[in-house]
PDB file of N, CA and C in Angstrom:
ATOM      1  N   UNK A   1     136.214 139.540 125.683  1.00  0.00           N
ATOM      2  CA  UNK A   1     135.936 137.440 126.345  1.00  0.00           C
ATOM      3  C   UNK A   1     136.360 137.664 127.925  1.00  0.00           C
ATOM      4  N   UNK A   2     136.965 138.758 128.569  1.00  0.00           N
ATOM      5  CA  UNK A   2     136.529 139.306 129.613  1.00  0.00           C
ATOM      6  C   UNK A   2     135.645 139.464 130.009  1.00  0.00           C
ATOM      7  N   UNK A   3     135.096 139.928 129.608  1.00  0.00           N
ATOM      8  CA  UNK A   3     133.323 140.030 130.143  1.00  0.00           C
ATOM      9  C   UNK A   3     132.252 139.373 129.663  1.00  0.00           C
ATOM     10  N   UNK A   4     132.284 138.427 129.009  1.00  0.00           N
ATOM     11  CA  UNK A   4     131.486 137.547 128.664  1.00  0.00           C
ATOM     12  C   UNK A   4     131.466 136.770 130.193  1.00  0.00           C
ATOM     13  N   UNK A   5     132.873 136.754 130.577  1.00  0.00           N
ATOM     14  CA  UNK A   5     133.141 135.995 131.666  1.00  0.00           C
ATOM     15  C   UNK A   5     132.082 136.148 133.424  1.00  0.00           C
ATOM     16  N   UNK A   6     132.543 137.809 132.833  1.00  0.00           N
ATOM     17  CA  UNK A   6     131.662 137.820 134.152  1.00  0.00           C
ATOM     18  C   UNK A   6     130.233 138.235 134.481  1.00  0.00           C
ATOM     19  N   UNK A   7     129.852 138.495 133.078  1.00  0.00           N
ATOM     20  CA  UNK A   7     128.494 138.244 132.633  1.00  0.00           C
ATOM     21  C   UNK A   7     127.578 136.962 133.065  1.00  0.00           C
ATOM     22  N   UNK A   8     128.701 135.842 132.564  1.00  0.00           N
ATOM     23  CA  UNK A   8     127.769 135.056 133.142  1.00  0.00           C
ATOM     24  C   UNK A   8     128.760 134.302 134.566  1.00  0.00           C
ATOM     25  N   UNK A   9     129.002 135.241 135.335  1.00  0.00           N
ATOM     26  CA  UNK A   9     129.140 135.234 137.001  1.00  0.00           C
ATOM     27  C   UNK A   9     128.356 135.521 137.117  1.00  0.00           C
ATOM     28  N   UNK A  10     127.834 136.561 137.026  1.00  0.00           N
ATOM     29  CA  UNK A  10     126.868 137.397 137.079  1.00  0.00           C
ATOM     30  C   UNK A  10     125.470 136.548 137.157  1.00  0.00           C
ATOM     31  N   UNK A  11     125.159 135.974 135.872  1.00  0.00           N
ATOM     32  CA  UNK A  11     124.182 135.774 136.208  1.00  0.00           C
ATOM     33  C   UNK A  11     124.001 134.460 136.562  1.00  0.00           C
ATOM     34  N   UNK A  12     124.950 133.858 136.803  1.00  0.00           N
ATOM     35  CA  UNK A  12     124.966 131.998 138.079  1.00  0.00           C
ATOM     36  C   UNK A  12     124.804 132.898 139.055  1.00  0.00           C
ATOM     37  N   UNK A  13     125.531 134.172 139.708  1.00  0.00           N
ATOM     38  CA  UNK A  13     125.053 134.346 141.223  1.00  0.00           C
ATOM     39  C   UNK A  13     124.149 134.624 141.675  1.00  0.00           C
ATOM     40  N   UNK A  14     122.970 135.527 139.902  1.00  0.00           N
ATOM     41  CA  UNK A  14     122.018 135.767 140.552  1.00  0.00           C
ATOM     42  C   UNK A  14     120.779 134.400 140.675  1.00  0.00           C
ATOM     43  N   UNK A  15     121.174 133.678 139.254  1.00  0.00           N
ATOM     44  CA  UNK A  15     120.064 132.296 139.259  1.00  0.00           C
ATOM     45  C   UNK A  15     120.437 131.413 140.178  1.00  0.00           C
ATOM     46  N   UNK A  16     121.780 131.108 141.511  1.00  0.00           N
ATOM     47  CA  UNK A  16     121.583 130.709 142.499  1.00  0.00           C
ATOM     48  C   UNK A  16     121.005 131.613 144.003  1.00  0.00           C
ATOM     49  N   UNK A  17     121.039 132.824 143.654  1.00  0.00           N
ATOM     50  CA  UNK A  17     120.023 133.555 145.196  1.00  0.00           C
ATOM     51  C   UNK A  17     119.086 133.336 144.782  1.00  0.00           C
ATOM     52  N   UNK A  18     118.857 133.213 143.780  1.00  0.00           N
ATOM     53  CA  UNK A  18     117.387 133.959 143.049  1.00  0.00           C
ATOM     54  C   UNK A  18     116.558 131.615 143.996  1.00  0.00           C
ATOM     55  N   UNK A  19     117.843 130.978 143.428  1.00  0.00           N
ATOM     56  CA  UNK A  19     117.363 129.682 143.474  1.00  0.00           C
ATOM     57  C   UNK A  19     117.300 129.630 145.553  1.00  0.00           C
ATOM     58  N   UNK A  20     118.303 130.991 145.857  1.00  0.00           N
ATOM     59  CA  UNK A  20     118.114 130.055 147.958  1.00  0.00           C
ATOM     60  C   UNK A  20     117.352 130.963 148.596  1.00  0.00           C
ATOM     61  N   UNK A  21     116.592 132.274 148.038  1.00  0.00           N
ATOM     62  CA  UNK A  21     115.624 132.829 148.926  1.00  0.00           C
ATOM     63  C   UNK A  21     114.392 132.262 148.540  1.00  0.00           C
ATOM     64  N   UNK A  22     114.117 131.066 146.776  1.00  0.00           N
ATOM     65  CA  UNK A  22     112.684 131.260 146.739  1.00  0.00           C
ATOM     66  C   UNK A  22     111.988 130.500 147.812  1.00  0.00           C
ATOM     67  N   UNK A  23     113.077 129.553 148.077  1.00  0.00           N
ATOM     68  CA  UNK A  23     111.197 128.593 148.820  1.00  0.00           C
ATOM     69  C   UNK A  23     111.112 129.654 149.816  1.00  0.00           C
ATOM     70  N   UNK A  24     111.673 130.951 150.857  1.00  0.00           N
ATOM     71  CA  UNK A  24     111.462 131.033 151.493  1.00  0.00           C
ATOM     72  C   UNK A  24     110.918 132.593 151.043  1.00  0.00           C
ATOM     73  N   UNK A  25     110.873 133.067 150.104  1.00  0.00           N
ATOM     74  CA  UNK A  25     109.745 134.625 149.999  1.00  0.00           C
ATOM     75  C   UNK A  25     108.180 133.964 148.860  1.00  0.00           C
ATOM     76  N   UNK A  26     108.208 131.868 148.958  1.00  0.00           N
ATOM     77  CA  UNK A  26     106.880 131.538 148.702  1.00  0.00           C
ATOM     78  C   UNK A  26     106.661 131.480 149.480  1.00  0.00           C
ATOM     79  N   UNK A  27     107.330 131.332 150.991  1.00  0.00           N
ATOM     80  CA  UNK A  27     106.068 131.045 151.769  1.00  0.00           C
ATOM     81  C   UNK A  27     105.677 132.183 152.520  1.00  0.00           C
ATOM     82  N   UNK A  28     106.725 133.703 152.879  1.00  0.00           N
ATOM     83  CA  UNK A  28     106.394 134.456 153.346  1.00  0.00           C
ATOM     84  C   UNK A  28     105.302 135.374 151.946  1.00  0.00           C
ATOM     85  N   UNK A  29     105.533 135.730 150.736  1.00  0.00           N
ATOM     86  CA  UNK A  29     104.693 136.028 149.735  1.00  0.00           C
ATOM     87  C   UNK A  29     105.073 137.580 149.951  1.00  0.00           C
ATOM     88  N   UNK A  30     106.229 137.763 150.266  1.00  0.00           N
ATOM     89  CA  UNK A  30     106.745 139.287 149.903  1.00  0.00           C
ATOM     90  C   UNK A  30     107.166 139.722 148.784  1.00  0.00           C
ATOM     91  N   UNK A  31     107.611 138.743 147.857  1.00  0.00           N
ATOM     92  CA  UNK A  31     108.619 139.026 146.982  1.00  0.00           C
ATOM     93  C   UNK A  31     107.380 138.656 145.962  1.00  0.00           C
ATOM     94  N   UNK A  32     107.374 138.897 144.515  1.00  0.00           N
ATOM     95  CA  UNK A  32     106.463 138.834 142.854  1.00  0.00           C
ATOM     96  C   UNK A  32     107.383 137.163 142.802  1.00  0.00           C
ATOM     97  N   UNK A  33     106.531 136.692 142.499  1.00  0.00           N
ATOM     98  CA  UNK A  33     107.534 135.487 141.658  1.00  0.00           C
ATOM     99  C   UNK A  33     108.500 136.074 140.630  1.00  0.00           C
ATOM    100  N   UNK A  34     109.013 135.334 140.194  1.00  0.00           N
ATOM    101  CA  UNK A  34     110.630 136.160 139.001  1.00  0.00           C
ATOM    102  C   UNK A  34     109.601 136.241 137.656  1.00  0.00           C
ATOM    103  N   UNK A  35     110.318 136.673 136.198  1.00  0.00           N
ATOM    104  CA  UNK A  35     109.292 137.029 135.230  1.00  0.00           C
ATOM    105  C   UNK A  35     110.378 135.269 134.357  1.00  0.00           C
ATOM    106  N   UNK A  36     111.171 135.445 134.322  1.00  0.00           N
ATOM    107  CA  UNK A  36     111.981 134.177 134.137  1.00  0.00           C
ATOM    108  C   UNK A  36     111.752 133.062 134.165  1.00  0.00           C
TER     109      UNK A  36
END
């Protein structure tokens, strides 16, 4: 159960990080778009 919670938090953190970085990376164009 604890592993599921940690995995969920990691996924949420990754999505939040991607959402925060996406507008800047789209402007610069140095990162490829995420596959999902």
